[in-house]
């Protein structure tokens, strides 16, 4: 909705090629890019989009308040989350901006959506960031139908939860098996807890089927 990469910024900007969102998502802060990693690796996230819409809030002034949220996430349980991503946020720094965020939160609440300001310490918390980065870096690895079937069979054969290494082994083992399994997590075939370290014993389960989500992505 809002053009981030326009040649006017004096700070790093870029595009993140997302396999889950099936598009290149613009970012204007390294914390935004890092949060994309979270979304890409978290199988609970069905789809996500940066700068998803323009919100106009009429408050009796000559011009409405204009707000572009940083990110929308659609979850497998049907919930919609809206995020404002900040290095740090102090509402006292700008009273008008804080009013805009509070009013935007009211609008989203009326839609049944959640709204959060998420700051750098939470985005960059370890081991979540390390696990998310490790998974998402294999997001574009190709998976065959045989690979997908092998993941499902391996997990079901362990009663619904299998060690990461065991599932990777049926996909070729070693670096190849790890890459394919991580790609399967991004594509929501399998799921792990990204807040825990990624290890050989990390539990892997099948991703939950999405319920009631509306905008395409995964």
Protein backbone atom coordinates (compact mmCIF):
# COMPACT_ATOMS: atom_id res chain seq x y z
CA UNK A 1 0.00 0.00 0.00
CA UNK A 2 2.84 2.38 0.82
CA UNK A 3 6.00 2.46 -1.27
CA UNK A 4 8.97 1.89 1.05
CA UNK A 5 11.70 1.61 -1.57
CA UNK A 6 11.40 4.95 -3.34
CA UNK A 7 14.96 6.33 -3.36
CA UNK A 8 14.27 8.81 -0.56
CA UNK A 9 15.42 6.84 2.45
CA UNK A 10 18.82 7.38 4.04
CA UNK A 11 18.71 4.05 5.83
CA UNK A 12 18.85 0.41 4.77
CA UNK A 13 15.77 -0.86 2.95
CA UNK A 14 15.20 -3.99 0.95
CA UNK A 15 12.89 -6.74 -0.18
CA UNK A 16 12.52 -10.15 1.43
CA UNK A 17 11.62 -12.94 -0.97
CA UNK A 18 9.01 -14.87 0.99
CA UNK A 19 8.06 -18.41 0.02
CA UNK A 20 5.07 -18.35 2.38
CA UNK A 21 3.67 -15.01 1.19
CA UNK A 22 4.62 -15.83 -2.42
CA UNK A 23 5.97 -12.37 -3.06
CA UNK A 24 8.84 -10.01 -2.25
CA UNK A 25 7.97 -8.05 0.88
CA UNK A 26 9.54 -4.60 1.36
CA UNK A 27 11.20 -3.70 4.66
CA UNK A 28 12.65 -0.44 5.98
CA UNK A 29 14.21 -1.63 9.22
CA UNK A 30 16.25 -4.72 10.05
CA UNK A 31 13.76 -5.58 12.80
CA UNK A 32 11.00 -5.79 10.21
CA UNK A 33 13.10 -8.22 8.19
CA UNK A 34 13.84 -10.26 11.33
CA UNK A 35 10.13 -10.45 12.12
CA UNK A 36 9.55 -11.74 8.59
CA UNK A 37 11.87 -14.60 9.56
CA UNK A 38 9.58 -15.37 12.52
CA UNK A 39 6.53 -15.44 10.27
CA UNK A 40 8.21 -17.56 7.62
CA UNK A 41 9.35 -20.20 10.12
CA UNK A 42 6.26 -20.28 12.34
CA UNK A 43 3.82 -22.87 10.96
CA UNK A 44 1.04 -21.25 13.00
CA UNK A 45 1.25 -18.34 10.53
CA UNK A 46 -0.72 -19.21 7.40
CA UNK A 47 0.01 -15.95 5.57
CA UNK A 48 1.48 -12.52 6.25
CA UNK A 49 1.89 -9.24 4.43
CA UNK A 50 3.84 -6.03 5.06
CA UNK A 51 2.13 -2.65 4.64
CA UNK A 52 -1.18 -4.50 4.16
CA UNK A 53 -3.62 -1.60 4.02
CA UNK A 54 -4.28 2.12 4.57
CA UNK A 55 -6.44 3.06 7.53
CA UNK A 56 -8.19 6.47 7.58
CA UNK A 57 -9.52 7.57 10.97
CA UNK A 58 -11.86 10.58 11.03
CA UNK A 59 -11.61 12.45 14.32
CA UNK A 60 -13.27 15.79 13.55
CA UNK A 61 -10.15 17.40 12.12
CA UNK A 62 -9.83 18.87 8.62
CA UNK A 63 -7.90 15.75 7.58
CA UNK A 64 -8.26 12.17 8.80
CA UNK A 65 -5.47 10.39 10.62
CA UNK A 66 -3.69 8.08 8.17
CA UNK A 67 -2.13 4.85 9.39
CA UNK A 68 -0.25 2.11 7.56
CA UNK A 69 0.39 -0.88 9.83
CA UNK A 70 3.72 -2.65 9.40
CA UNK A 71 2.42 -6.22 9.19
CA UNK A 72 -0.68 -8.39 9.04
CA UNK A 73 -0.54 -12.07 10.02
CA UNK A 74 -3.29 -14.62 9.41
CA UNK A 75 -3.04 -17.58 11.79
CA UNK A 76 -4.15 -21.17 11.39
CA UNK A 77 -6.72 -20.74 14.18
CA UNK A 78 -8.47 -18.01 12.17
CA UNK A 79 -7.12 -15.05 14.12
CA UNK A 80 -5.82 -11.93 12.38
CA UNK A 81 -2.95 -10.01 13.99
CA UNK A 82 -1.81 -6.48 13.11
CA UNK A 83 1.67 -5.37 14.16
CA UNK A 84 3.52 -2.10 14.49
CA UNK A 85 7.25 -2.87 14.62
CA UNK A 86 9.54 -0.58 16.61
CA UNK A 87 13.11 -0.54 17.87
CA UNK A 88 11.59 0.91 21.03
CA UNK A 89 8.36 2.76 21.69
CA UNK A 90 7.63 5.54 24.16
CA UNK A 91 4.09 6.93 23.87
CA UNK A 92 5.23 10.22 25.40
CA UNK A 93 7.52 10.96 22.44
CA UNK A 94 4.63 11.92 20.14
CA UNK A 95 1.15 12.37 21.59
CA UNK A 96 -0.56 12.62 18.17
CA UNK A 97 1.11 9.44 16.92
CA UNK A 98 0.20 7.60 20.09
CA UNK A 99 -3.41 8.73 19.66
CA UNK A 100 -3.38 7.37 16.12
CA UNK A 101 -2.13 3.98 17.32
CA UNK A 102 -4.72 3.80 20.10
CA UNK A 103 -7.53 4.68 17.72
CA UNK A 104 -6.24 2.14 15.18
CA UNK A 105 -6.27 -0.49 17.94
CA UNK A 106 -9.94 0.35 18.58
CA UNK A 107 -10.75 -0.09 14.88
CA UNK A 108 -9.05 -3.48 14.76
CA UNK A 109 -10.75 -4.58 17.95
CA UNK A 110 -14.08 -3.80 16.31
CA UNK A 111 -13.10 -6.13 13.47
CA UNK A 112 -12.16 -8.86 15.91
CA UNK A 113 -8.46 -8.47 15.11
CA UNK A 114 -5.61 -8.01 17.57
CA UNK A 115 -3.14 -5.12 17.46
CA UNK A 116 0.33 -5.08 18.99
CA UNK A 117 3.37 -2.86 19.10
CA UNK A 118 6.31 -5.28 19.03
CA UNK A 119 9.77 -4.00 19.96
CA UNK A 120 13.32 -5.05 19.15
CA UNK A 121 14.05 -7.02 22.36
CA UNK A 122 11.17 -9.40 21.66
CA UNK A 123 11.94 -9.76 17.96
CA UNK A 124 15.65 -10.35 18.57
CA UNK A 125 15.24 -12.66 21.58
CA UNK A 126 17.29 -15.84 21.49
CA UNK A 127 16.89 -18.67 20.70
CA UNK A 128 13.75 -17.68 18.77
CA UNK A 129 15.60 -15.47 16.29
CA UNK A 130 18.30 -18.11 15.69
CA UNK A 131 15.74 -20.87 15.10
CA UNK A 132 13.63 -18.70 12.81
CA UNK A 133 16.67 -17.70 10.78
CA UNK A 134 17.87 -21.31 10.49
CA UNK A 135 14.50 -22.48 9.17
CA UNK A 136 13.71 -19.61 6.81
CA UNK A 137 17.05 -19.67 5.02
CA UNK A 138 15.94 -22.90 3.32
CA UNK A 139 12.54 -21.50 2.37
CA UNK A 140 13.09 -21.80 -1.39
CA UNK A 141 14.36 -25.41 -1.35
CA UNK A 142 12.21 -27.53 -3.67
CA UNK A 143 10.02 -30.28 -2.24
CA UNK A 144 8.57 -33.13 -4.26
CA UNK A 145 5.27 -34.83 -3.52
CA UNK A 146 7.34 -37.78 -2.38
CA UNK A 147 9.13 -35.54 0.14
CA UNK A 148 5.82 -34.21 1.46
CA UNK A 149 4.45 -37.73 1.85
CA UNK A 150 7.65 -38.84 3.60
CA UNK A 151 7.33 -36.03 6.17
CA UNK A 152 3.74 -36.92 6.98
CA UNK A 153 4.48 -40.64 7.15
CA UNK A 154 7.50 -40.16 9.42
CA UNK A 155 5.61 -37.96 11.86
CA UNK A 156 2.54 -40.17 11.95
CA UNK A 157 4.76 -43.22 12.36
CA UNK A 158 6.08 -41.69 15.60
CA UNK A 159 2.57 -41.14 16.94
CA UNK A 160 2.21 -37.52 15.84
CA UNK A 161 5.53 -36.09 17.06
CA UNK A 162 8.95 -37.09 15.75
CA UNK A 163 12.52 -35.90 16.48
CA UNK A 164 13.83 -33.42 13.92
CA UNK A 165 16.73 -35.67 12.97
CA UNK A 166 14.49 -38.67 12.30
CA UNK A 167 12.32 -36.68 9.90
CA UNK A 168 15.36 -35.14 8.22
CA UNK A 169 16.82 -38.62 7.72
CA UNK A 170 13.85 -39.78 5.64
CA UNK A 171 14.38 -36.72 3.43
CA UNK A 172 17.95 -37.64 2.59
CA UNK A 173 19.75 -36.97 5.84
CA UNK A 174 22.56 -34.53 6.51
CA UNK A 175 22.40 -31.01 5.14
CA UNK A 176 20.00 -32.08 2.36
CA UNK A 177 17.50 -33.61 4.77
CA UNK A 178 17.67 -30.59 7.08
CA UNK A 179 17.10 -28.19 4.19
CA UNK A 180 14.10 -30.13 2.93
CA UNK A 181 12.54 -30.40 6.36
CA UNK A 182 12.97 -26.66 6.97
CA UNK A 183 11.34 -25.99 3.61
CA UNK A 184 8.50 -28.26 4.74
CA UNK A 185 8.08 -26.19 7.89
CA UNK A 186 7.87 -22.97 5.86
CA UNK A 187 5.27 -24.62 3.60
CA UNK A 188 3.28 -25.69 6.67
CA UNK A 189 3.62 -29.41 6.17
CA UNK A 190 5.43 -29.75 9.49
CA UNK A 191 5.69 -27.55 12.57
CA UNK A 192 8.18 -26.86 15.35
CA UNK A 193 8.29 -24.54 18.35
CA UNK A 194 10.45 -21.67 17.06
CA UNK A 195 10.95 -20.33 20.60
CA UNK A 196 13.16 -23.36 21.37
CA UNK A 197 16.64 -24.17 20.01
CA UNK A 198 16.73 -26.13 16.75
CA UNK A 199 18.38 -29.44 17.61
CA UNK A 200 18.37 -33.06 16.48
CA UNK A 201 15.83 -33.87 19.20
CA UNK A 202 13.50 -30.93 18.48
CA UNK A 203 9.92 -32.28 18.32
CA UNK A 204 8.32 -32.01 14.87
CA UNK A 205 4.56 -32.36 14.38
CA UNK A 206 2.17 -31.84 11.50
CA UNK A 207 1.06 -28.27 10.89
CA UNK A 208 -2.49 -27.41 11.89
CA UNK A 209 -5.03 -27.04 9.11
CA UNK A 210 -6.00 -23.36 8.63
CA UNK A 211 -9.48 -22.34 9.80
CA UNK A 212 -11.42 -19.43 8.34
CA UNK A 213 -8.52 -17.46 6.86
CA UNK A 214 -9.36 -15.03 4.11
CA UNK A 215 -6.32 -13.73 2.27
CA UNK A 216 -4.12 -16.02 0.14
CA UNK A 217 -0.52 -16.77 0.89
CA UNK A 218 0.74 -20.10 2.13
